[in-house]
Amino acid sequence: MILRKKVIKQVTLATTCVMLLLAPVVQADSMRLKFAHQNNVYDADQLLAETFKTLLEEKTNGDLKVSIYPGTLTGSEEEALEFAKAGTVSLAATSAGHIAGYYEDIQFLQLPYLFKSLEHYKVARSSSVVKEILAGASKATGMKALGVYSDCNGFAIASKKPINSIADAKGVKLRAMQNPLFIDIYEAFGFTVTPTDWGELYTSLQTGMVEADDLGVYCNDIFKMSEVVDSYAILNQMWTQKILFMSPKVWDKLTAEQKVIVTDIADEAIELTDAWQYAREAKFIEKVKEDKDQTITYPNTDEFKEASKSVYTKWFAKEPKWKTWYEQIQYLDPNARLPKAFK
């Protein structure tokens, strides 16, 4: 039965590839771009795709059109990258955690408490450090990285019992992406990181195989995990990222003018998507506060920041340039800077 399912999946993927490869090839001044992501139509990825489509078609007077495929063309982010490399998918939104296998430096952006506030994150996202990291990601993956935006992981810990302090995290079975940095972070916090496939998370929470996840409040709701967790600890422990990639084969078909337009539109769509996601998270936190069956807690993050020091020590020793990047990013915190005249 397992072999049969594997064969069926391979045949399905092969059929999809053939269909996409046989799609009509059009000239650069009249091109249809395929934007694929793995989430549902309520997710930030869908808003990014829709915004990109609307603005790009308007700006190019319809010369560049966009078709959106939410969770349909590819079964995983890894497949989306492979399809994009082949040119069968034009644009793909991929978690930075998945890119780590190609380019470990992308992990830097997901260090715990790297960004001190939303204002700090907004400034730092346009920094030379982030541009250098995106250039490295492009080179390592063979893709064109158009920009970086927030994932919903890392905003909070959703659990089956309230977490009021770091002591409450000790031994709690947490599902997190099986990524070395994520594991180091959550183990430093005291959690027992438990390998769980994304597709099995709901039932694993339901049965108690795991007791917590690291999605934000809003994402727990749209993916229905809120049906099996009832408490959210607002930690903002990581600003996990997604990368918007474009197929190099599709990029090379664009005119110089179209490349500028695509880059500018990607920036605008990312700005909107990030702002929307933070607004939705805040709205759903208030929604949970009004729900008698669910709980919001605000643990003292100083405890978690102190625990994070061991993570920084380990990863700075492993990746020395990260320390320099860290210092540059910290200098860009607007809440920590004053003109010298004030000192």
Protein backbone atom coordinates (compact mmCIF):
# COMPACT_ATOMS: atom_id res chain seq x y z
CA MET A 1 0.00 0.00 0.00
CA ILE A 2 2.84 2.40 0.90
CA LEU A 3 4.63 1.57 -2.35
CA ARG A 4 1.40 2.12 -4.30
CA LYS A 5 0.89 5.57 -2.69
CA LYS A 6 4.48 6.49 -3.50
CA VAL A 7 4.07 5.44 -7.14
CA ILE A 8 0.80 7.40 -7.42
CA LYS A 9 2.45 10.51 -5.97
CA GLN A 10 5.39 10.20 -8.38
CA VAL A 11 3.04 9.77 -11.35
CA THR A 12 0.98 12.77 -10.21
CA LEU A 13 4.04 14.98 -9.88
CA ALA A 14 5.38 13.80 -13.23
CA THR A 15 2.03 14.55 -14.87
CA THR A 16 1.97 18.02 -13.30
CA CYS A 17 5.48 18.74 -14.57
CA VAL A 18 4.60 17.59 -18.10
CA MET A 19 1.41 19.70 -18.15
CA LEU A 20 3.29 22.76 -16.99
CA LEU A 21 6.16 22.21 -19.42
CA LEU A 22 3.69 21.88 -22.29
CA ALA A 23 1.98 25.15 -21.40
CA PRO A 24 2.14 27.67 -24.24
CA VAL A 25 5.37 29.65 -24.36
CA VAL A 26 4.76 33.36 -24.91
CA GLN A 27 7.00 36.32 -25.55
CA ALA A 28 8.40 38.49 -22.75
CA ASP A 29 5.98 41.32 -23.55
CA SER A 30 2.98 39.01 -23.03
CA MET A 31 3.79 36.49 -20.33
CA ARG A 32 1.76 34.59 -17.74
CA LEU A 33 3.55 33.96 -14.47
CA LYS A 34 2.63 31.03 -12.22
CA PHE A 35 2.77 31.92 -8.50
CA ALA A 36 2.69 28.80 -6.28
CA HIS A 37 2.59 28.48 -2.51
CA GLN A 38 1.75 25.60 -0.17
CA ASN A 39 -0.78 27.26 2.14
CA ASN A 40 -4.52 27.87 2.00
CA VAL A 41 -6.34 30.93 0.67
CA TYR A 42 -6.62 32.52 4.14
CA ASP A 43 -2.84 32.67 4.63
CA ALA A 44 -0.45 35.60 4.21
CA ASP A 45 1.12 33.85 1.21
CA GLN A 46 -2.19 34.16 -0.63
CA LEU A 47 -2.41 37.87 0.16
CA LEU A 48 1.14 38.32 -1.10
CA ALA A 49 0.29 36.50 -4.33
CA GLU A 50 -2.96 38.42 -4.88
CA THR A 51 -1.29 41.78 -4.20
CA PHE A 52 1.61 40.94 -6.50
CA LYS A 53 -0.84 39.88 -9.24
CA THR A 54 -3.02 42.99 -9.00
CA LEU A 55 -0.18 45.49 -8.92
CA LEU A 56 1.92 43.77 -11.59
CA GLU A 57 -0.91 43.39 -14.09
CA GLU A 58 -1.88 47.02 -13.57
CA LYS A 59 1.66 48.36 -13.82
CA THR A 60 2.42 46.39 -17.02
CA ASN A 61 -0.98 47.03 -18.62
CA GLY A 62 -1.58 43.28 -18.67
CA ASP A 63 1.63 42.39 -20.48
CA LEU A 64 2.58 40.34 -17.42
CA LYS A 65 -0.28 38.31 -15.99
CA VAL A 66 -0.24 36.11 -12.90
CA SER A 67 -2.04 32.85 -12.12
CA ILE A 68 -2.07 31.84 -8.43
CA TYR A 69 -1.90 28.23 -7.26
CA PRO A 70 -2.44 27.92 -3.48
CA GLY A 71 -1.45 24.48 -2.25
CA THR A 72 -2.13 22.78 -5.58
CA LEU A 73 0.83 22.67 -7.95
CA THR A 74 3.36 21.31 -5.48
CA GLY A 75 3.18 19.04 -2.46
CA SER A 76 6.01 20.70 -0.54
CA GLU A 77 8.24 23.75 -0.52
CA GLU A 78 11.12 21.60 -1.75
CA GLU A 79 9.08 20.63 -4.83
CA ALA A 80 8.13 24.27 -5.38
CA LEU A 81 11.83 25.20 -5.54
CA GLU A 82 12.57 22.41 -7.99
CA PHE A 83 9.64 23.43 -10.21
CA ALA A 84 10.82 27.05 -10.07
CA LYS A 85 14.36 26.07 -11.06
CA ALA A 86 12.90 24.26 -14.06
CA GLY A 87 10.81 27.28 -14.96
CA THR A 88 7.50 25.40 -14.65
CA VAL A 89 6.65 27.64 -11.69
CA SER A 90 7.51 31.33 -11.97
CA LEU A 91 7.36 32.39 -8.32
CA ALA A 92 7.48 30.40 -5.09
CA ALA A 93 7.17 31.42 -1.44
CA THR A 94 9.48 29.25 0.66
CA SER A 95 10.25 29.15 4.39
CA ALA A 96 13.76 30.24 5.29
CA GLY A 97 14.02 27.11 7.44
CA HIS A 98 13.73 24.97 4.32
CA ILE A 99 16.42 27.01 2.56
CA ALA A 100 18.92 26.19 5.33
CA GLY A 101 19.79 22.93 3.57
CA TYR A 102 21.03 24.95 0.62
CA TYR A 103 22.35 27.98 2.48
CA GLU A 104 22.90 27.86 6.25
CA ASP A 105 23.43 31.63 6.62
CA ILE A 106 19.71 32.18 6.03
CA GLN A 107 19.35 30.88 9.59
CA PHE A 108 20.88 34.07 10.95
CA LEU A 109 17.60 35.92 10.42
CA GLN A 110 15.84 33.47 12.75
CA LEU A 111 18.06 33.83 15.79
CA PRO A 112 15.97 34.30 18.96
CA TYR A 113 15.12 37.90 19.79
CA LEU A 114 17.34 39.17 16.96
CA PHE A 115 14.93 42.04 16.30
CA LYS A 116 13.88 43.97 19.39
CA SER A 117 10.63 45.37 18.05
CA LEU A 118 8.50 45.63 14.94
CA GLU A 119 10.13 49.00 14.19
CA HIS A 120 13.57 47.41 14.45
CA TYR A 121 12.55 44.59 12.11
CA LYS A 122 11.20 47.01 9.50
CA VAL A 123 14.45 48.98 9.41
CA ALA A 124 16.72 45.93 9.48
CA ARG A 125 14.87 44.14 6.67
CA SER A 126 16.24 46.72 4.20
CA SER A 127 19.76 46.58 5.65
CA SER A 128 22.98 45.64 3.86
CA VAL A 129 23.12 42.50 6.02
CA VAL A 130 19.76 41.23 4.78
CA LYS A 131 20.68 42.14 1.18
CA GLU A 132 23.91 40.17 1.54
CA ILE A 133 22.02 37.18 2.93
CA LEU A 134 19.45 37.27 0.12
CA ALA A 135 22.23 37.46 -2.46
CA GLY A 136 23.79 34.40 -0.85
CA ALA A 137 20.46 32.58 -0.93
CA SER A 138 20.08 33.38 -4.63
CA LYS A 139 23.53 32.00 -5.39
CA ALA A 140 23.11 28.89 -3.27
CA THR A 141 19.68 27.94 -4.62
CA GLY A 142 20.18 29.08 -8.20
CA MET A 143 17.04 31.21 -7.82
CA LYS A 144 16.29 34.94 -7.86
CA ALA A 145 15.43 36.07 -4.31
CA LEU A 146 13.02 39.01 -4.61
CA GLY A 147 12.60 39.67 -0.90
CA VAL A 148 11.99 38.40 2.61
CA TYR A 149 8.86 38.63 4.74
CA SER A 150 7.55 37.31 8.07
CA ASP A 151 6.24 33.82 8.54
CA CYS A 152 3.71 33.25 11.32
CA ASN A 153 6.00 30.93 13.27
CA GLY A 154 7.70 32.38 16.31
CA PHE A 155 5.06 34.89 17.41
CA ALA A 156 3.77 32.69 20.23
CA ILE A 157 3.73 29.22 21.77
CA ALA A 158 0.31 27.58 21.49
CA SER A 159 -0.20 24.82 24.03
CA LYS A 160 -2.69 22.59 25.78
CA LYS A 161 -1.93 24.22 29.15
CA PRO A 162 -0.94 27.81 30.04
CA ILE A 163 2.73 28.80 29.96
CA ASN A 164 3.32 31.66 32.39
CA SER A 165 7.09 31.37 32.72
CA ILE A 166 10.09 29.52 31.35
CA ALA A 167 9.62 27.00 34.15
CA ASP A 168 6.26 26.02 32.65
CA ALA A 169 7.97 25.17 29.35
CA LYS A 170 10.15 22.48 30.90
CA GLY A 171 9.39 19.08 29.40
CA VAL A 172 6.44 20.26 27.27
CA LYS A 173 6.45 18.33 23.98
CA LEU A 174 6.72 21.01 21.30
CA ARG A 175 6.34 20.49 17.59
CA ALA A 176 8.75 22.71 15.67
CA MET A 177 10.34 22.56 12.26
CA GLN A 178 13.15 19.99 12.33
CA ASN A 179 15.80 22.60 11.84
CA PRO A 180 19.01 22.59 13.96
CA LEU A 181 18.66 26.22 15.02
CA PHE A 182 15.00 25.88 15.97
CA ILE A 183 15.77 22.76 17.99
CA ASP A 184 18.60 24.54 19.83
CA ILE A 185 16.34 27.50 20.65
CA TYR A 186 13.44 25.50 22.01
CA GLU A 187 15.62 23.08 23.92
CA ALA A 188 17.33 26.09 25.53
CA PHE A 189 13.85 27.21 26.61
CA GLY A 190 13.28 23.80 28.21
CA PHE A 191 10.85 22.29 25.70
CA THR A 192 11.14 18.71 24.51
CA VAL A 193 11.24 19.16 20.73
CA THR A 194 9.20 16.34 19.17
CA PRO A 195 9.50 15.49 15.45
CA THR A 196 6.08 15.74 13.82
CA ASP A 197 5.16 16.08 10.17
CA TRP A 198 3.19 19.26 9.45
CA GLY A 199 0.32 17.24 8.02
CA GLU A 200 0.05 15.26 11.28
CA LEU A 201 0.21 18.21 13.68
CA TYR A 202 -3.55 18.51 14.27
CA THR A 203 -4.01 14.85 15.22
CA SER A 204 -0.78 14.85 17.22
CA LEU A 205 -2.04 17.76 19.31
CA GLN A 206 -5.44 16.13 19.58
CA THR A 207 -4.03 12.83 20.88
CA GLY A 208 -1.32 14.35 23.06
CA MET A 209 1.60 13.08 20.99
CA VAL A 210 2.68 16.72 21.11
CA GLU A 211 1.43 19.39 23.49
CA ALA A 212 2.41 22.64 21.79
CA ASP A 213 3.38 24.34 18.54
CA ASP A 214 5.18 27.59 17.71
CA LEU A 215 2.67 29.13 15.33
CA GLY A 216 1.19 32.53 16.02
CA VAL A 217 -2.36 33.00 17.30
CA TYR A 218 -3.76 33.83 13.86
CA CYS A 219 -2.05 30.93 12.10
CA ASN A 220 -3.28 28.47 14.72
CA ASP A 221 -6.77 29.67 13.86
CA ILE A 222 -6.57 29.48 10.06
CA PHE A 223 -4.99 26.02 10.19
CA LYS A 224 -7.63 24.86 12.74
CA MET A 225 -5.06 24.08 15.45
CA SER A 226 -7.07 26.36 17.74
CA GLU A 227 -9.55 23.49 18.00
CA VAL A 228 -6.97 21.40 19.88
CA VAL A 229 -4.96 24.02 21.82
CA ASP A 230 -6.41 26.49 24.27
CA SER A 231 -3.55 28.65 25.51
CA TYR A 232 -1.14 31.07 23.85
CA ALA A 233 2.05 32.42 25.41
CA ILE A 234 3.03 35.63 23.60
CA LEU A 235 6.82 35.46 23.39
CA ASN A 236 7.70 36.87 19.94
CA GLN A 237 10.71 34.60 20.26
CA MET A 238 11.66 34.52 16.59
CA TRP A 239 10.94 36.56 13.50
CA THR A 240 10.83 33.56 11.19
CA GLN A 241 11.05 34.36 7.53
CA LYS A 242 9.83 33.37 4.12
CA ILE A 243 11.66 34.14 0.91
CA LEU A 244 9.89 35.11 -2.31
CA PHE A 245 11.83 33.44 -5.13
CA MET A 246 11.51 33.84 -8.87
CA SER A 247 12.60 31.27 -11.41
CA PRO A 248 15.83 32.39 -13.12
CA LYS A 249 14.53 31.02 -16.41
CA VAL A 250 11.45 33.24 -16.14
CA TRP A 251 13.48 36.22 -14.86
CA ASP A 252 15.78 36.01 -17.89
CA LYS A 253 12.77 36.28 -20.23
CA LEU A 254 11.79 39.66 -18.79
CA THR A 255 12.85 42.93 -20.34
CA ALA A 256 15.05 45.29 -18.30
CA GLU A 257 12.01 47.48 -17.61
CA GLN A 258 9.91 44.50 -16.53
CA LYS A 259 12.64 43.35 -14.11
CA VAL A 260 12.54 46.73 -12.38
CA ILE A 261 8.75 46.61 -12.18
CA VAL A 262 8.72 43.05 -10.79
CA THR A 263 11.31 43.98 -8.14
CA ASP A 264 9.42 47.10 -7.07
CA ILE A 265 6.06 45.32 -6.98
CA ALA A 266 7.54 42.49 -4.89
CA ASP A 267 8.75 45.07 -2.34
CA GLU A 268 5.31 46.69 -2.17
CA ALA A 269 3.49 43.36 -1.86
CA ILE A 270 5.85 42.26 0.91
CA GLU A 271 5.34 45.49 2.86
CA LEU A 272 1.58 45.08 2.72
CA THR A 273 1.72 41.38 3.60
CA ASP A 274 3.89 41.96 6.66
CA ALA A 275 1.73 44.83 7.91
CA TRP A 276 -1.43 42.76 7.40
CA GLN A 277 0.02 39.77 9.21
CA TYR A 278 0.99 41.80 12.30
CA ALA A 279 -2.44 43.44 12.32
CA ARG A 280 -4.18 40.06 12.08
CA GLU A 281 -2.06 38.64 14.88
CA ALA A 282 -2.98 41.57 17.15
CA LYS A 283 -6.66 41.21 16.24
CA PHE A 284 -6.72 37.49 17.01
CA ILE A 285 -4.94 37.99 20.33
CA GLU A 286 -7.83 40.26 21.32
CA LYS A 287 -10.30 37.69 19.99
CA VAL A 288 -8.79 34.98 22.20
CA LYS A 289 -8.92 37.28 25.23
CA GLU A 290 -12.70 37.42 24.80
CA ASP A 291 -13.00 33.63 24.59
CA LYS A 292 -13.70 32.08 28.00
CA ASP A 293 -12.32 28.73 26.84
CA GLN A 294 -8.93 30.07 25.73
CA THR A 295 -6.09 31.86 27.50
CA ILE A 296 -3.48 34.46 26.59
CA THR A 297 -0.37 34.74 28.78
CA TYR A 298 2.55 37.16 28.66
CA PRO A 299 5.55 35.43 30.27
CA ASN A 300 8.56 37.53 31.27
CA THR A 301 10.67 37.33 28.12
CA ASP A 302 13.83 38.26 30.05
CA GLU A 303 14.00 34.61 31.14
CA PHE A 304 13.82 33.40 27.55
CA LYS A 305 16.34 35.97 26.34
CA GLU A 306 18.76 34.83 29.05
CA ALA A 307 18.29 31.21 27.98
CA SER A 308 18.98 32.27 24.36
CA LYS A 309 22.56 33.25 25.19
CA SER A 310 23.70 29.64 24.90
CA VAL A 311 22.24 29.53 21.38
CA TYR A 312 24.17 32.63 20.36
CA THR A 313 27.40 31.25 21.86
CA LYS A 314 27.05 28.00 19.92
CA TRP A 315 26.12 29.54 16.59
CA PHE A 316 28.60 32.43 16.73
CA ALA A 317 31.37 29.86 17.31
CA LYS A 318 30.10 27.89 14.34
CA GLU A 319 29.50 30.94 12.09
CA PRO A 320 31.87 33.77 13.20
CA LYS A 321 30.55 36.28 10.64
CA TRP A 322 27.14 36.07 12.32
CA LYS A 323 28.52 38.02 15.29
CA THR A 324 29.46 40.91 12.98
CA TRP A 325 26.07 40.76 11.31
CA TYR A 326 24.40 40.72 14.72
CA GLU A 327 26.22 43.88 15.83
CA GLN A 328 25.26 45.63 12.59
CA ILE A 329 21.60 44.65 12.99
CA GLN A 330 21.52 45.79 16.62
CA TYR A 331 22.85 49.20 15.64
CA LEU A 332 19.75 49.64 13.48
CA ASP A 333 17.35 49.43 16.43
CA PRO A 334 15.56 52.84 16.32
CA ASN A 335 14.55 52.55 19.96
CA ALA A 336 18.20 52.27 21.00
CA ARG A 337 19.65 55.15 18.98
CA LEU A 338 19.98 58.83 19.90
CA PRO A 339 21.98 61.66 18.37
CA LYS A 340 25.26 62.16 20.23
CA ALA A 341 24.04 65.55 21.43
CA PHE A 342 21.55 63.76 23.69
CA LYS A 343 24.28 61.78 25.43
